[in-house]
Amino acid sequence: MARITAKNAQEILKADFQALVNDTERLLEHSAFLAGDQADEVRDQIKLSLKKARASLEDAKESLQERGEAAVSAAEDYVQTNPWQSVGIAAGVGFLIGLLATRR
């Protein structure tokens, strides 16, 4: 499977949901006039759009999970190779949060 970047996934999702919205709007506009086969055709198009949107969401979810796992792994590796620097960074961040919390 090709690797999906966050920006590409976002664009794909946007296009799929726009198509879904357009199909739904068309169904609502024509629902009074459609009968039988025409209504079934529009419903099938909407179902197809929903399937595409779900697939796009699943791909984006998998991509984000992979990136998150890679970030956690990189952080763990850094902490293991530089424990004292990690302690210093954590102390600095804690100090800054404490300063910001006491200003309120």
N, C-alpha and C. Protein backbone atom coordinates (compact mmCIF):
# COMPACT_ATOMS: atom_id res chain seq x y z
N MET A 1 0.84 -1.17 0.00
CA MET A 1 0.00 0.00 0.00
C MET A 1 0.89 1.24 0.00
N ALA A 2 0.54 2.23 -0.78
CA ALA A 2 1.31 3.46 -0.84
C ALA A 2 1.16 4.23 0.46
N ARG A 3 2.23 4.85 0.85
CA ARG A 3 2.22 5.61 2.10
C ARG A 3 1.43 6.91 1.88
N ILE A 4 0.52 7.19 2.77
CA ILE A 4 -0.33 8.36 2.66
C ILE A 4 0.16 9.41 3.66
N THR A 5 0.44 10.59 3.16
CA THR A 5 0.83 11.68 4.06
C THR A 5 -0.44 12.28 4.65
N ALA A 6 -0.27 13.01 5.73
CA ALA A 6 -1.42 13.61 6.40
C ALA A 6 -2.14 14.59 5.47
N LYS A 7 -1.37 15.35 4.69
CA LYS A 7 -1.99 16.32 3.79
C LYS A 7 -2.76 15.61 2.69
N ASN A 8 -2.19 14.55 2.11
CA ASN A 8 -2.89 13.79 1.07
C ASN A 8 -4.16 13.16 1.63
N ALA A 9 -4.07 12.60 2.82
CA ALA A 9 -5.24 11.97 3.44
C ALA A 9 -6.33 13.01 3.68
N GLN A 10 -5.91 14.18 4.11
CA GLN A 10 -6.88 15.24 4.37
C GLN A 10 -7.58 15.66 3.07
N GLU A 11 -6.81 15.78 1.99
CA GLU A 11 -7.40 16.16 0.71
C GLU A 11 -8.35 15.08 0.19
N ILE A 12 -7.96 13.82 0.34
CA ILE A 12 -8.81 12.72 -0.10
C ILE A 12 -10.11 12.70 0.69
N LEU A 13 -10.00 12.85 2.01
CA LEU A 13 -11.20 12.87 2.86
C LEU A 13 -12.10 14.03 2.49
N LYS A 14 -11.50 15.18 2.26
CA LYS A 14 -12.30 16.36 1.90
C LYS A 14 -13.06 16.11 0.61
N ALA A 15 -12.40 15.55 -0.40
CA ALA A 15 -13.05 15.27 -1.68
C ALA A 15 -14.15 14.23 -1.52
N ASP A 16 -13.88 13.18 -0.75
CA ASP A 16 -14.89 12.13 -0.55
C ASP A 16 -16.12 12.66 0.18
N PHE A 17 -15.89 13.46 1.21
CA PHE A 17 -17.03 13.99 1.95
C PHE A 17 -17.79 15.03 1.14
N GLN A 18 -17.09 15.79 0.30
CA GLN A 18 -17.78 16.74 -0.57
C GLN A 18 -18.68 15.99 -1.55
N ALA A 19 -18.17 14.88 -2.09
CA ALA A 19 -18.98 14.06 -3.00
C ALA A 19 -20.19 13.48 -2.26
N LEU A 20 -19.98 13.05 -1.03
CA LEU A 20 -21.08 12.51 -0.23
C LEU A 20 -22.13 13.58 0.03
N VAL A 21 -21.70 14.77 0.37
CA VAL A 21 -22.64 15.86 0.62
C VAL A 21 -23.41 16.21 -0.66
N ASN A 22 -22.69 16.27 -1.77
CA ASN A 22 -23.36 16.58 -3.04
C ASN A 22 -24.40 15.52 -3.40
N ASP A 23 -24.05 14.26 -3.23
CA ASP A 23 -24.99 13.18 -3.52
C ASP A 23 -26.20 13.24 -2.61
N THR A 24 -25.97 13.53 -1.34
CA THR A 24 -27.07 13.61 -0.38
C THR A 24 -27.98 14.78 -0.71
N GLU A 25 -27.38 15.93 -1.05
CA GLU A 25 -28.19 17.09 -1.44
C GLU A 25 -29.03 16.78 -2.67
N ARG A 26 -28.42 16.11 -3.63
CA ARG A 26 -29.15 15.76 -4.85
C ARG A 26 -30.31 14.82 -4.53
N LEU A 27 -30.06 13.87 -3.64
CA LEU A 27 -31.13 12.95 -3.25
C LEU A 27 -32.27 13.70 -2.59
N LEU A 28 -31.95 14.64 -1.72
CA LEU A 28 -32.99 15.39 -1.04
C LEU A 28 -33.77 16.27 -2.01
N GLU A 29 -33.05 16.90 -2.96
CA GLU A 29 -33.73 17.77 -3.93
C GLU A 29 -34.67 16.98 -4.83
N HIS A 30 -34.25 15.80 -5.23
CA HIS A 30 -35.02 15.04 -6.20
C HIS A 30 -35.87 13.93 -5.58
N SER A 31 -35.88 13.83 -4.28
CA SER A 31 -36.59 12.71 -3.66
C SER A 31 -38.08 12.74 -3.96
N ALA A 32 -38.63 13.92 -4.13
CA ALA A 32 -40.05 14.00 -4.42
C ALA A 32 -40.35 13.56 -5.85
N PHE A 33 -39.37 13.67 -6.74
CA PHE A 33 -39.60 13.40 -8.15
C PHE A 33 -39.10 12.02 -8.59
N LEU A 34 -38.25 11.42 -7.78
CA LEU A 34 -37.67 10.14 -8.17
C LEU A 34 -38.59 8.99 -7.79
N ALA A 35 -38.58 8.00 -8.63
CA ALA A 35 -39.37 6.81 -8.34
C ALA A 35 -38.64 5.59 -8.87
N GLY A 36 -38.77 4.50 -8.16
CA GLY A 36 -38.26 3.22 -8.62
C GLY A 36 -36.77 3.19 -8.89
N ASP A 37 -36.40 2.94 -10.14
CA ASP A 37 -35.01 2.75 -10.52
C ASP A 37 -34.15 4.00 -10.29
N GLN A 38 -34.72 5.18 -10.52
CA GLN A 38 -33.96 6.41 -10.32
C GLN A 38 -33.57 6.57 -8.85
N ALA A 39 -34.48 6.32 -7.96
CA ALA A 39 -34.20 6.43 -6.53
C ALA A 39 -33.15 5.40 -6.11
N ASP A 40 -33.27 4.20 -6.64
CA ASP A 40 -32.29 3.16 -6.33
C ASP A 40 -30.90 3.53 -6.82
N GLU A 41 -30.83 4.15 -8.00
CA GLU A 41 -29.53 4.55 -8.56
C GLU A 41 -28.86 5.61 -7.68
N VAL A 42 -29.64 6.59 -7.24
CA VAL A 42 -29.08 7.64 -6.38
C VAL A 42 -28.66 7.05 -5.04
N ARG A 43 -29.45 6.15 -4.49
CA ARG A 43 -29.08 5.50 -3.22
C ARG A 43 -27.79 4.70 -3.37
N ASP A 44 -27.64 4.02 -4.49
CA ASP A 44 -26.41 3.25 -4.74
C ASP A 44 -25.20 4.18 -4.84
N GLN A 45 -25.37 5.33 -5.47
CA GLN A 45 -24.28 6.30 -5.55
C GLN A 45 -23.89 6.81 -4.17
N ILE A 46 -24.88 7.05 -3.34
CA ILE A 46 -24.60 7.52 -1.97
C ILE A 46 -23.90 6.43 -1.17
N LYS A 47 -24.33 5.20 -1.31
CA LYS A 47 -23.67 4.09 -0.62
C LYS A 47 -22.22 3.96 -1.06
N LEU A 48 -21.97 4.12 -2.35
CA LEU A 48 -20.60 4.06 -2.86
C LEU A 48 -19.76 5.20 -2.28
N SER A 49 -20.32 6.39 -2.21
CA SER A 49 -19.61 7.52 -1.62
C SER A 49 -19.30 7.27 -0.15
N LEU A 50 -20.24 6.68 0.57
CA LEU A 50 -20.00 6.35 1.98
C LEU A 50 -18.89 5.33 2.13
N LYS A 51 -18.86 4.32 1.27
CA LYS A 51 -17.80 3.31 1.32
C LYS A 51 -16.44 3.94 1.07
N LYS A 52 -16.37 4.85 0.09
CA LYS A 52 -15.10 5.53 -0.20
C LYS A 52 -14.66 6.38 0.99
N ALA A 53 -15.59 7.08 1.59
CA ALA A 53 -15.26 7.92 2.75
C ALA A 53 -14.76 7.06 3.91
N ARG A 54 -15.42 5.94 4.16
CA ARG A 54 -14.98 5.05 5.24
C ARG A 54 -13.59 4.49 4.96
N ALA A 55 -13.33 4.11 3.71
CA ALA A 55 -12.01 3.59 3.34
C ALA A 55 -10.94 4.67 3.52
N SER A 56 -11.26 5.89 3.13
CA SER A 56 -10.31 6.99 3.30
C SER A 56 -10.02 7.25 4.77
N LEU A 57 -11.05 7.20 5.59
CA LEU A 57 -10.86 7.38 7.03
C LEU A 57 -9.98 6.28 7.61
N GLU A 58 -10.19 5.06 7.16
CA GLU A 58 -9.39 3.94 7.65
C GLU A 58 -7.93 4.10 7.25
N ASP A 59 -7.69 4.52 5.99
CA ASP A 59 -6.31 4.75 5.53
C ASP A 59 -5.64 5.85 6.34
N ALA A 60 -6.37 6.92 6.57
CA ALA A 60 -5.82 8.04 7.35
C ALA A 60 -5.52 7.60 8.78
N LYS A 61 -6.41 6.79 9.35
CA LYS A 61 -6.21 6.29 10.71
C LYS A 61 -4.94 5.45 10.78
N GLU A 62 -4.76 4.55 9.82
CA GLU A 62 -3.58 3.70 9.81
C GLU A 62 -2.31 4.52 9.66
N SER A 63 -2.35 5.53 8.78
CA SER A 63 -1.18 6.39 8.57
C SER A 63 -0.83 7.14 9.85
N LEU A 64 -1.84 7.68 10.51
CA LEU A 64 -1.59 8.42 11.75
C LEU A 64 -1.09 7.51 12.86
N GLN A 65 -1.60 6.29 12.91
CA GLN A 65 -1.11 5.34 13.91
C GLN A 65 0.35 5.01 13.68
N GLU A 66 0.73 4.79 12.43
CA GLU A 66 2.13 4.48 12.11
C GLU A 66 3.03 5.64 12.50
N ARG A 67 2.61 6.86 12.16
CA ARG A 67 3.42 8.02 12.50
C ARG A 67 3.52 8.21 14.01
N GLY A 68 2.44 7.97 14.72
CA GLY A 68 2.45 8.08 16.17
C GLY A 68 3.38 7.05 16.82
N GLU A 69 3.31 5.83 16.32
CA GLU A 69 4.18 4.78 16.85
C GLU A 69 5.65 5.10 16.57
N ALA A 70 5.92 5.66 15.39
CA ALA A 70 7.30 6.03 15.06
C ALA A 70 7.79 7.15 15.98
N ALA A 71 6.93 8.10 16.28
CA ALA A 71 7.31 9.20 17.17
C ALA A 71 7.57 8.69 18.59
N VAL A 72 6.74 7.79 19.06
CA VAL A 72 6.94 7.22 20.40
C VAL A 72 8.24 6.43 20.45
N SER A 73 8.50 5.65 19.42
CA SER A 73 9.73 4.87 19.36
C SER A 73 10.95 5.78 19.35
N ALA A 74 10.89 6.85 18.57
CA ALA A 74 12.02 7.79 18.51
C ALA A 74 12.23 8.46 19.86
N ALA A 75 11.15 8.82 20.54
CA ALA A 75 11.27 9.45 21.86
C ALA A 75 11.86 8.47 22.87
N GLU A 76 11.41 7.23 22.83
CA GLU A 76 11.96 6.23 23.75
C GLU A 76 13.44 6.00 23.49
N ASP A 77 13.83 5.92 22.23
CA ASP A 77 15.25 5.75 21.90
C ASP A 77 16.08 6.93 22.40
N TYR A 78 15.56 8.15 22.23
CA TYR A 78 16.29 9.33 22.68
C TYR A 78 16.47 9.32 24.19
N VAL A 79 15.39 8.98 24.90
CA VAL A 79 15.45 8.96 26.36
C VAL A 79 16.43 7.89 26.84
N GLN A 80 16.45 6.75 26.18
CA GLN A 80 17.36 5.68 26.59
C GLN A 80 18.82 6.03 26.31
N THR A 81 19.08 6.74 25.22
CA THR A 81 20.48 7.08 24.91
C THR A 81 20.94 8.34 25.62
N ASN A 82 20.01 9.21 26.03
CA ASN A 82 20.36 10.47 26.69
C ASN A 82 19.50 10.67 27.94
N PRO A 83 19.68 9.83 28.97
CA PRO A 83 18.78 9.92 30.12
C PRO A 83 18.91 11.24 30.89
N TRP A 84 20.10 11.76 31.06
CA TRP A 84 20.25 12.98 31.85
C TRP A 84 19.71 14.19 31.10
N GLN A 85 19.92 14.23 29.83
CA GLN A 85 19.34 15.32 29.03
C GLN A 85 17.81 15.25 29.08
N SER A 86 17.27 14.06 29.05
CA SER A 86 15.82 13.89 29.11
C SER A 86 15.28 14.37 30.44
N VAL A 87 16.00 14.08 31.53
CA VAL A 87 15.59 14.54 32.86
C VAL A 87 15.63 16.07 32.89
N GLY A 88 16.68 16.65 32.33
CA GLY A 88 16.80 18.11 32.30
C GLY A 88 15.69 18.76 31.49
N ILE A 89 15.37 18.17 30.35
CA ILE A 89 14.29 18.70 29.52
C ILE A 89 12.95 18.61 30.26
N ALA A 90 12.71 17.47 30.89
CA ALA A 90 11.46 17.29 31.63
C ALA A 90 11.37 18.28 32.78
N ALA A 91 12.48 18.52 33.48
CA ALA A 91 12.48 19.48 34.58
C ALA A 91 12.21 20.88 34.05
N GLY A 92 12.82 21.23 32.93
CA GLY A 92 12.59 22.56 32.34
C GLY A 92 11.15 22.76 31.92
N VAL A 93 10.57 21.75 31.29
CA VAL A 93 9.17 21.84 30.88
C VAL A 93 8.27 21.95 32.11
N GLY A 94 8.56 21.17 33.12
CA GLY A 94 7.77 21.24 34.35
C GLY A 94 7.88 22.61 35.00
N PHE A 95 9.07 23.18 34.99
CA PHE A 95 9.28 24.51 35.56
C PHE A 95 8.47 25.55 34.79
N LEU A 96 8.49 25.48 33.46
CA LEU A 96 7.73 26.43 32.65
C LEU A 96 6.22 26.29 32.88
N ILE A 97 5.76 25.07 32.97
CA ILE A 97 4.33 24.84 33.24
C ILE A 97 3.96 25.41 34.61
N GLY A 98 4.84 25.20 35.58
CA GLY A 98 4.61 25.76 36.91
C GLY A 98 4.55 27.28 36.89
N LEU A 99 5.44 27.91 36.15
CA LEU A 99 5.41 29.36 36.04
C LEU A 99 4.11 29.85 35.40
N LEU A 100 3.70 29.19 34.33
CA LEU A 100 2.48 29.59 33.66
C LEU A 100 1.25 29.35 34.54
N ALA A 101 1.26 28.30 35.32
CA ALA A 101 0.12 27.98 36.17
C ALA A 101 -0.01 28.98 37.32
N THR A 102 1.10 29.50 37.82
CA THR A 102 1.05 30.44 38.96
C THR A 102 0.72 31.85 38.51
N ARG A 103 0.81 32.16 37.24
CA ARG A 103 0.51 33.50 36.74
C ARG A 103 -0.99 33.77 36.74
N ARG A 104 -1.81 32.80 36.75
CA ARG A 104 -3.27 33.01 36.69
C ARG A 104 -3.79 33.46 37.96
